[in-house]
Amino acid sequence: MTVRIVLADDQPLVRSGLRVLMADHPDLEIVGEAATGVEAVQLVTDISPDVAVMDIRMPGMDGIEATRQITARPATTRVLVLTTFDEDDHVYGALRAGASGFVVKDMAVDDILAAIRVVAAGDALIAPGVTRRLIADFAGRPEAAPKRSPQPVEGITEREREVLTLVGRGRSNTEIAEDLFITVATAKSHVSRLLTKLGARDRVQLVITAYEAGLVTPAR
């Protein structure tokens, strides 16, 4: 299957670099490029790509608002956030807007391409180590804090609550299985049930739920 991609970044060199990276991978096809959030939303509306690789900082409509508008539509396009990580303060906001994961601009080429494929396949985010690093950084920032007192998550079992807490800490299914002394298949089943019960799009939204429910406290 070919993954159809829209690149949204206001820097032509970044778009050109990504285009070169994907040229040797026939399963990845760039079907459109945008320099602003408005252009990105319009392109996604017009051609319904599988993945929109979205920069956060763009003139006019930024990547967060563009992500919100794209994910609010019934189309199946998923958003992969393009970030410098050390500079962008709004990645948490992008996740809340519906992004399915991250591409850090200084990541290895194979990791960037793998992230696109993972998101296109309907999964979320990339390597758990990257997940943990991003979570630890952004969850501790003021804009990541819940605007209200944490509320308990209703409708899940105690075991599912334990799994949700571990997902919030960036654990992979294998690590959850090891922590709870269960099989990987069982851990995966618990995560799947959590996605269904909580109406979460993907694992990233489970991470957000865990933080907003107070199940995971950022390290200070």
C-alpha atoms as a PDB file:
ATOM      1  CA  MET A   1       0.000   0.000   0.000  1.00  0.00           C
ATOM      2  CA  THR A   2       1.263   3.471  -0.865  1.00  0.00           C
ATOM      3  CA  VAL A   3       0.996   6.091   1.888  1.00  0.00           C
ATOM      4  CA  ARG A   4      -0.195   9.397   0.416  1.00  0.00           C
ATOM      5  CA  ILE A   5       1.330  12.372   2.231  1.00  0.00           C
ATOM      6  CA  VAL A   6       0.818  16.121   2.442  1.00  0.00           C
ATOM      7  CA  LEU A   7       3.817  18.086   3.742  1.00  0.00           C
ATOM      8  CA  ALA A   8       2.983  21.293   5.618  1.00  0.00           C
ATOM      9  CA  ASP A   9       5.947  23.487   6.549  1.00  0.00           C
ATOM     10  CA  ASP A  10       6.650  27.130   5.824  1.00  0.00           C
ATOM     11  CA  GLN A  11      10.318  26.401   5.089  1.00  0.00           C
ATOM     12  CA  PRO A  12      10.871  25.223   1.487  1.00  0.00           C
ATOM     13  CA  LEU A  13      14.182  23.615   2.473  1.00  0.00           C
ATOM     14  CA  VAL A  14      12.447  21.395   5.033  1.00  0.00           C
ATOM     15  CA  ARG A  15       9.856  20.286   2.495  1.00  0.00           C
ATOM     16  CA  SER A  16      12.578  19.710  -0.092  1.00  0.00           C
ATOM     17  CA  GLY A  17      14.613  17.663   2.372  1.00  0.00           C
ATOM     18  CA  LEU A  18      11.666  15.453   3.239  1.00  0.00           C
ATOM     19  CA  ARG A  19      10.863  15.030  -0.440  1.00  0.00           C
ATOM     20  CA  VAL A  20      14.432  13.840  -1.083  1.00  0.00           C
ATOM     21  CA  LEU A  21      14.272  11.459   1.887  1.00  0.00           C
ATOM     22  CA  MET A  22      11.127   9.812   0.556  1.00  0.00           C
ATOM     23  CA  ALA A  23      12.221   9.617  -3.078  1.00  0.00           C
ATOM     24  CA  ASP A  24      13.795   6.177  -2.643  1.00  0.00           C
ATOM     25  CA  HIS A  25      10.774   4.719  -0.849  1.00  0.00           C
ATOM     26  CA  PRO A  26       8.049   3.723  -3.329  1.00  0.00           C
ATOM     27  CA  ASP A  27       5.537   3.097  -0.530  1.00  0.00           C
ATOM     28  CA  LEU A  28       5.599   6.811   0.379  1.00  0.00           C
ATOM     29  CA  GLU A  29       4.148   9.360  -2.037  1.00  0.00           C
ATOM     30  CA  ILE A  30       4.000  13.127  -1.517  1.00  0.00           C
ATOM     31  CA  VAL A  31       0.744  14.280  -3.068  1.00  0.00           C
ATOM     32  CA  GLY A  32       0.805  17.909  -1.945  1.00  0.00           C
ATOM     33  CA  GLU A  33       2.807  20.594  -0.160  1.00  0.00           C
ATOM     34  CA  ALA A  34       1.611  23.539   1.932  1.00  0.00           C
ATOM     35  CA  ALA A  35       3.408  26.555   3.407  1.00  0.00           C
ATOM     36  CA  THR A  36       0.599  27.621   5.753  1.00  0.00           C
ATOM     37  CA  GLY A  37      -2.033  26.029   7.926  1.00  0.00           C
ATOM     38  CA  VAL A  38      -4.797  27.316   5.664  1.00  0.00           C
ATOM     39  CA  GLU A  39      -3.171  25.686   2.641  1.00  0.00           C
ATOM     40  CA  ALA A  40      -2.729  22.446   4.570  1.00  0.00           C
ATOM     41  CA  VAL A  41      -6.403  22.272   5.548  1.00  0.00           C
ATOM     42  CA  GLN A  42      -7.459  23.005   1.982  1.00  0.00           C
ATOM     43  CA  LEU A  43      -5.152  20.365   0.534  1.00  0.00           C
ATOM     44  CA  VAL A  44      -6.371  17.736   2.960  1.00  0.00           C
ATOM     45  CA  THR A  45      -9.958  18.654   2.115  1.00  0.00           C
ATOM     46  CA  ASP A  46      -9.298  18.417  -1.610  1.00  0.00           C
ATOM     47  CA  ILE A  47      -7.222  15.236  -1.840  1.00  0.00           C
ATOM     48  CA  SER A  48      -7.718  13.328   1.453  1.00  0.00           C
ATOM     49  CA  PRO A  49      -4.150  12.071   1.993  1.00  0.00           C
ATOM     50  CA  ASP A  50      -3.395   9.319   4.479  1.00  0.00           C
ATOM     51  CA  VAL A  51      -1.034  11.483   6.543  1.00  0.00           C
ATOM     52  CA  ALA A  52      -0.420  15.211   6.921  1.00  0.00           C
ATOM     53  CA  VAL A  53       3.089  15.910   8.217  1.00  0.00           C
ATOM     54  CA  MET A  54       2.414  19.183  10.014  1.00  0.00           C
ATOM     55  CA  ASP A  55       4.808  21.866  11.207  1.00  0.00           C
ATOM     56  CA  ILE A  56       3.594  23.804  14.251  1.00  0.00           C
ATOM     57  CA  ARG A  57       4.971  27.259  13.511  1.00  0.00           C
ATOM     58  CA  MET A  58       3.512  28.597  10.293  1.00  0.00           C
ATOM     59  CA  PRO A  59       2.256  32.079   9.357  1.00  0.00           C
ATOM     60  CA  GLY A  60      -1.417  32.824   9.787  1.00  0.00           C
ATOM     61  CA  MET A  61      -3.117  29.630  10.899  1.00  0.00           C
ATOM     62  CA  ASP A  62      -0.572  27.591  12.841  1.00  0.00           C
ATOM     63  CA  GLY A  63      -0.199  23.821  12.811  1.00  0.00           C
ATOM     64  CA  ILE A  64      -2.262  23.340  15.963  1.00  0.00           C
ATOM     65  CA  GLU A  65      -5.373  24.987  14.527  1.00  0.00           C
ATOM     66  CA  ALA A  66      -4.823  23.245  11.198  1.00  0.00           C
ATOM     67  CA  THR A  67      -4.583  19.921  13.037  1.00  0.00           C
ATOM     68  CA  ARG A  68      -7.777  20.666  14.935  1.00  0.00           C
ATOM     69  CA  GLN A  69      -9.670  21.423  11.739  1.00  0.00           C
ATOM     70  CA  ILE A  70      -8.310  18.378   9.915  1.00  0.00           C
ATOM     71  CA  THR A  71      -9.058  15.898  12.694  1.00  0.00           C
ATOM     72  CA  ALA A  72     -12.534  17.354  13.232  1.00  0.00           C
ATOM     73  CA  ARG A  73     -13.530  16.228   9.740  1.00  0.00           C
ATOM     74  CA  PRO A  74     -14.937  12.754   9.045  1.00  0.00           C
ATOM     75  CA  ALA A  75     -12.051  12.040   6.646  1.00  0.00           C
ATOM     76  CA  THR A  76      -9.410   9.535   7.680  1.00  0.00           C
ATOM     77  CA  THR A  77      -6.335  11.771   7.319  1.00  0.00           C
ATOM     78  CA  ARG A  78      -4.077  11.516  10.349  1.00  0.00           C
ATOM     79  CA  VAL A  79      -1.668  14.224  11.469  1.00  0.00           C
ATOM     80  CA  LEU A  80       1.990  13.735  12.341  1.00  0.00           C
ATOM     81  CA  VAL A  81       3.427  16.817  14.037  1.00  0.00           C
ATOM     82  CA  LEU A  82       6.719  18.172  12.783  1.00  0.00           C
ATOM     83  CA  THR A  83       8.609  19.787  15.662  1.00  0.00           C
ATOM     84  CA  THR A  84      12.043  21.005  16.673  1.00  0.00           C
ATOM     85  CA  PHE A  85      11.233  19.623  20.152  1.00  0.00           C
ATOM     86  CA  ASP A  86      13.631  21.859  22.059  1.00  0.00           C
ATOM     87  CA  GLU A  87      11.964  25.017  20.750  1.00  0.00           C
ATOM     88  CA  ASP A  88       8.262  24.328  20.279  1.00  0.00           C
ATOM     89  CA  ASP A  89       6.141  24.939  23.378  1.00  0.00           C
ATOM     90  CA  HIS A  90       2.867  23.823  21.872  1.00  0.00           C
ATOM     91  CA  VAL A  91       3.226  20.113  21.154  1.00  0.00           C
ATOM     92  CA  TYR A  92       0.846  19.209  23.964  1.00  0.00           C
ATOM     93  CA  GLY A  93      -1.705  21.513  22.386  1.00  0.00           C
ATOM     94  CA  ALA A  94      -1.216  19.745  19.065  1.00  0.00           C
ATOM     95  CA  LEU A  95      -1.894  16.392  20.710  1.00  0.00           C
ATOM     96  CA  ARG A  96      -5.068  17.734  22.261  1.00  0.00           C
ATOM     97  CA  ALA A  97      -6.043  19.005  18.827  1.00  0.00           C
ATOM     98  CA  GLY A  98      -5.925  15.435  17.541  1.00  0.00           C
ATOM     99  CA  ALA A  99      -2.387  14.817  16.274  1.00  0.00           C
ATOM    100  CA  SER A 100      -1.351  11.174  16.272  1.00  0.00           C
ATOM    101  CA  GLY A 101       2.347  11.649  16.941  1.00  0.00           C
ATOM    102  CA  PHE A 102       5.616  13.447  16.402  1.00  0.00           C
ATOM    103  CA  VAL A 103       8.403  13.781  13.922  1.00  0.00           C
ATOM    104  CA  VAL A 104      11.370  15.516  15.502  1.00  0.00           C
ATOM    105  CA  LYS A 105      13.321  17.351  12.828  1.00  0.00           C
ATOM    106  CA  ASP A 106      16.716  16.053  13.964  1.00  0.00           C
ATOM    107  CA  MET A 107      15.619  12.418  14.157  1.00  0.00           C
ATOM    108  CA  ALA A 108      17.257   9.721  12.074  1.00  0.00           C
ATOM    109  CA  VAL A 109      15.794   9.363   8.583  1.00  0.00           C
ATOM    110  CA  ASP A 110      14.596   5.806   9.204  1.00  0.00           C
ATOM    111  CA  ASP A 111      12.747   6.945  12.343  1.00  0.00           C
ATOM    112  CA  ILE A 112      10.981   9.736  10.487  1.00  0.00           C
ATOM    113  CA  LEU A 113       9.838   7.405   7.719  1.00  0.00           C
ATOM    114  CA  ALA A 114       8.839   4.732  10.231  1.00  0.00           C
ATOM    115  CA  ALA A 115       6.738   7.288  12.116  1.00  0.00           C
ATOM    116  CA  ILE A 116       4.847   8.177   8.945  1.00  0.00           C
ATOM    117  CA  ARG A 117       4.127   4.508   8.255  1.00  0.00           C
ATOM    118  CA  VAL A 118       3.032   3.839  11.834  1.00  0.00           C
ATOM    119  CA  VAL A 119       0.599   6.742  11.834  1.00  0.00           C
ATOM    120  CA  ALA A 120      -0.728   5.808   8.385  1.00  0.00           C
ATOM    121  CA  ALA A 121      -1.423   2.305   9.698  1.00  0.00           C
ATOM    122  CA  GLY A 122      -3.687   3.766  12.375  1.00  0.00           C
ATOM    123  CA  ASP A 123      -1.315   3.543  15.317  1.00  0.00           C
ATOM    124  CA  ALA A 124       0.098   6.420  17.336  1.00  0.00           C
ATOM    125  CA  LEU A 125       3.482   7.902  17.949  1.00  0.00           C
ATOM    126  CA  ILE A 126       6.827   6.264  17.446  1.00  0.00           C
ATOM    127  CA  ALA A 127       9.354   4.643  19.728  1.00  0.00           C
ATOM    128  CA  PRO A 128       8.333   4.562  23.408  1.00  0.00           C
ATOM    129  CA  GLY A 129      11.633   6.219  24.324  1.00  0.00           C
ATOM    130  CA  VAL A 130      10.731   9.239  22.219  1.00  0.00           C
ATOM    131  CA  THR A 131       7.239   9.193  23.711  1.00  0.00           C
ATOM    132  CA  ARG A 132       8.625   9.299  27.236  1.00  0.00           C
ATOM    133  CA  ARG A 133      11.040  12.113  26.434  1.00  0.00           C
ATOM    134  CA  LEU A 134       8.325  14.262  24.904  1.00  0.00           C
ATOM    135  CA  ILE A 135       5.838  13.491  27.662  1.00  0.00           C
ATOM    136  CA  ALA A 136       8.327  14.266  30.410  1.00  0.00           C
ATOM    137  CA  ASP A 137       9.219  17.596  28.847  1.00  0.00           C
ATOM    138  CA  PHE A 138       5.835  18.923  27.806  1.00  0.00           C
ATOM    139  CA  ALA A 139       3.714  17.517  30.623  1.00  0.00           C
ATOM    140  CA  GLY A 140       5.769  19.563  33.075  1.00  0.00           C
ATOM    141  CA  ARG A 141       5.074  22.856  31.301  1.00  0.00           C
ATOM    142  CA  PRO A 142       2.361  25.247  32.500  1.00  0.00           C
ATOM    143  CA  GLU A 143       0.290  24.973  29.315  1.00  0.00           C
ATOM    144  CA  ALA A 144       0.142  21.193  29.758  1.00  0.00           C
ATOM    145  CA  ALA A 145      -1.463  21.368  33.178  1.00  0.00           C
ATOM    146  CA  PRO A 146      -5.176  20.542  33.371  1.00  0.00           C
ATOM    147  CA  LYS A 147      -7.331  23.675  33.594  1.00  0.00           C
ATOM    148  CA  ARG A 148      -9.489  22.023  36.252  1.00  0.00           C
ATOM    149  CA  SER A 149      -9.057  19.610  39.115  1.00  0.00           C
ATOM    150  CA  PRO A 150      -8.276  16.059  37.970  1.00  0.00           C
ATOM    151  CA  GLN A 151     -11.385  13.925  37.604  1.00  0.00           C
ATOM    152  CA  PRO A 152     -11.490  10.148  38.020  1.00  0.00           C
ATOM    153  CA  VAL A 153     -11.825   8.096  34.852  1.00  0.00           C
ATOM    154  CA  GLU A 154     -15.169   6.351  34.935  1.00  0.00           C
ATOM    155  CA  GLY A 155     -16.221   3.081  33.361  1.00  0.00           C
ATOM    156  CA  ILE A 156     -12.920   1.211  33.445  1.00  0.00           C
ATOM    157  CA  THR A 157     -11.710  -1.619  35.655  1.00  0.00           C
ATOM    158  CA  GLU A 158      -8.920  -1.335  38.193  1.00  0.00           C
ATOM    159  CA  ARG A 159      -6.619  -3.312  35.917  1.00  0.00           C
ATOM    160  CA  GLU A 160      -7.449  -1.010  33.022  1.00  0.00           C
ATOM    161  CA  ARG A 161      -6.680   1.947  35.275  1.00  0.00           C
ATOM    162  CA  GLU A 162      -3.245   0.454  35.955  1.00  0.00           C
ATOM    163  CA  VAL A 163      -2.683  -0.013  32.230  1.00  0.00           C
ATOM    164  CA  LEU A 164      -3.818   3.553  31.503  1.00  0.00           C
ATOM    165  CA  THR A 165      -1.340   4.843  34.087  1.00  0.00           C
ATOM    166  CA  LEU A 166       1.487   2.920  32.442  1.00  0.00           C
ATOM    167  CA  VAL A 167       0.472   4.141  28.985  1.00  0.00           C
ATOM    168  CA  GLY A 168       0.600   7.652  30.420  1.00  0.00           C
ATOM    169  CA  ARG A 169       4.168   6.995  31.488  1.00  0.00           C
ATOM    170  CA  GLY A 170       5.107   6.089  27.932  1.00  0.00           C
ATOM    171  CA  ARG A 171       5.317   2.336  28.434  1.00  0.00           C
ATOM    172  CA  SER A 172       5.088   0.053  25.409  1.00  0.00           C
ATOM    173  CA  ASN A 173       2.827  -3.010  25.441  1.00  0.00           C
ATOM    174  CA  THR A 174       5.847  -5.183  26.170  1.00  0.00           C
ATOM    175  CA  GLU A 175       6.856  -3.012  29.127  1.00  0.00           C
ATOM    176  CA  ILE A 176       3.281  -2.954  30.450  1.00  0.00           C
ATOM    177  CA  ALA A 177       3.228  -6.744  30.300  1.00  0.00           C
ATOM    178  CA  GLU A 178       6.485  -6.930  32.254  1.00  0.00           C
ATOM    179  CA  ASP A 179       5.327  -4.420  34.873  1.00  0.00           C
ATOM    180  CA  LEU A 180       1.988  -6.159  35.461  1.00  0.00           C
ATOM    181  CA  PHE A 181       3.213  -9.748  34.989  1.00  0.00           C
ATOM    182  CA  ILE A 182       0.814 -10.402  32.113  1.00  0.00           C
ATOM    183  CA  THR A 183       1.326 -11.448  28.505  1.00  0.00           C
ATOM    184  CA  VAL A 184       1.932  -8.912  25.750  1.00  0.00           C
ATOM    185  CA  ALA A 185      -1.293 -10.044  24.085  1.00  0.00           C
ATOM    186  CA  THR A 186      -3.221  -9.330  27.287  1.00  0.00           C
ATOM    187  CA  ALA A 187      -1.601  -5.894  27.592  1.00  0.00           C
ATOM    188  CA  LYS A 188      -2.568  -5.137  24.002  1.00  0.00           C
ATOM    189  CA  SER A 189      -6.159  -6.234  24.703  1.00  0.00           C
ATOM    190  CA  HIS A 190      -6.361  -3.921  27.720  1.00  0.00           C
ATOM    191  CA  VAL A 191      -5.111  -0.995  25.633  1.00  0.00           C
ATOM    192  CA  SER A 192      -7.647  -1.783  22.906  1.00  0.00           C
ATOM    193  CA  ARG A 193     -10.489  -1.855  25.441  1.00  0.00           C
ATOM    194  CA  LEU A 194      -9.333   1.462  26.892  1.00  0.00           C
ATOM    195  CA  LEU A 195      -9.394   3.020  23.427  1.00  0.00           C
ATOM    196  CA  THR A 196     -12.965   1.820  22.964  1.00  0.00           C
ATOM    197  CA  LYS A 197     -14.268   2.683  26.425  1.00  0.00           C
ATOM    198  CA  LEU A 198     -12.714   6.146  26.520  1.00  0.00           C
ATOM    199  CA  GLY A 199     -13.501   6.984  22.910  1.00  0.00           C
ATOM    200  CA  ALA A 200      -9.825   7.682  22.276  1.00  0.00           C
ATOM    201  CA  ARG A 201      -8.523   7.906  18.727  1.00  0.00           C
ATOM    202  CA  ASP A 202      -5.176   6.368  19.569  1.00  0.00           C
ATOM    203  CA  ARG A 203      -2.536   5.814  22.224  1.00  0.00           C
ATOM    204  CA  VAL A 204      -1.588   9.478  22.300  1.00  0.00           C
ATOM    205  CA  GLN A 205      -5.061  10.411  23.483  1.00  0.00           C
ATOM    206  CA  LEU A 206      -4.782   7.805  26.234  1.00  0.00           C
ATOM    207  CA  VAL A 207      -1.609   9.557  27.394  1.00  0.00           C
ATOM    208  CA  ILE A 208      -3.484  12.861  27.534  1.00  0.00           C
ATOM    209  CA  THR A 209      -6.355  11.245  29.446  1.00  0.00           C
ATOM    210  CA  ALA A 210      -3.937   9.783  31.991  1.00  0.00           C
ATOM    211  CA  TYR A 211      -2.388  13.197  32.660  1.00  0.00           C
ATOM    212  CA  GLU A 212      -5.659  15.079  32.751  1.00  0.00           C
ATOM    213  CA  ALA A 213      -7.115  12.500  35.146  1.00  0.00           C
ATOM    214  CA  GLY A 214      -4.163  12.914  37.486  1.00  0.00           C
ATOM    215  CA  LEU A 215      -3.062   9.294  37.082  1.00  0.00           C
ATOM    216  CA  VAL A 216       0.421  10.422  36.102  1.00  0.00           C
ATOM    217  CA  THR A 217       2.248  13.270  37.801  1.00  0.00           C
ATOM    218  CA  PRO A 218       5.038  14.965  35.838  1.00  0.00           C
ATOM    219  CA  ALA A 219       8.434  14.797  37.467  1.00  0.00           C
ATOM    220  CA  ARG A 220       9.605  18.141  38.856  1.00  0.00           C
END
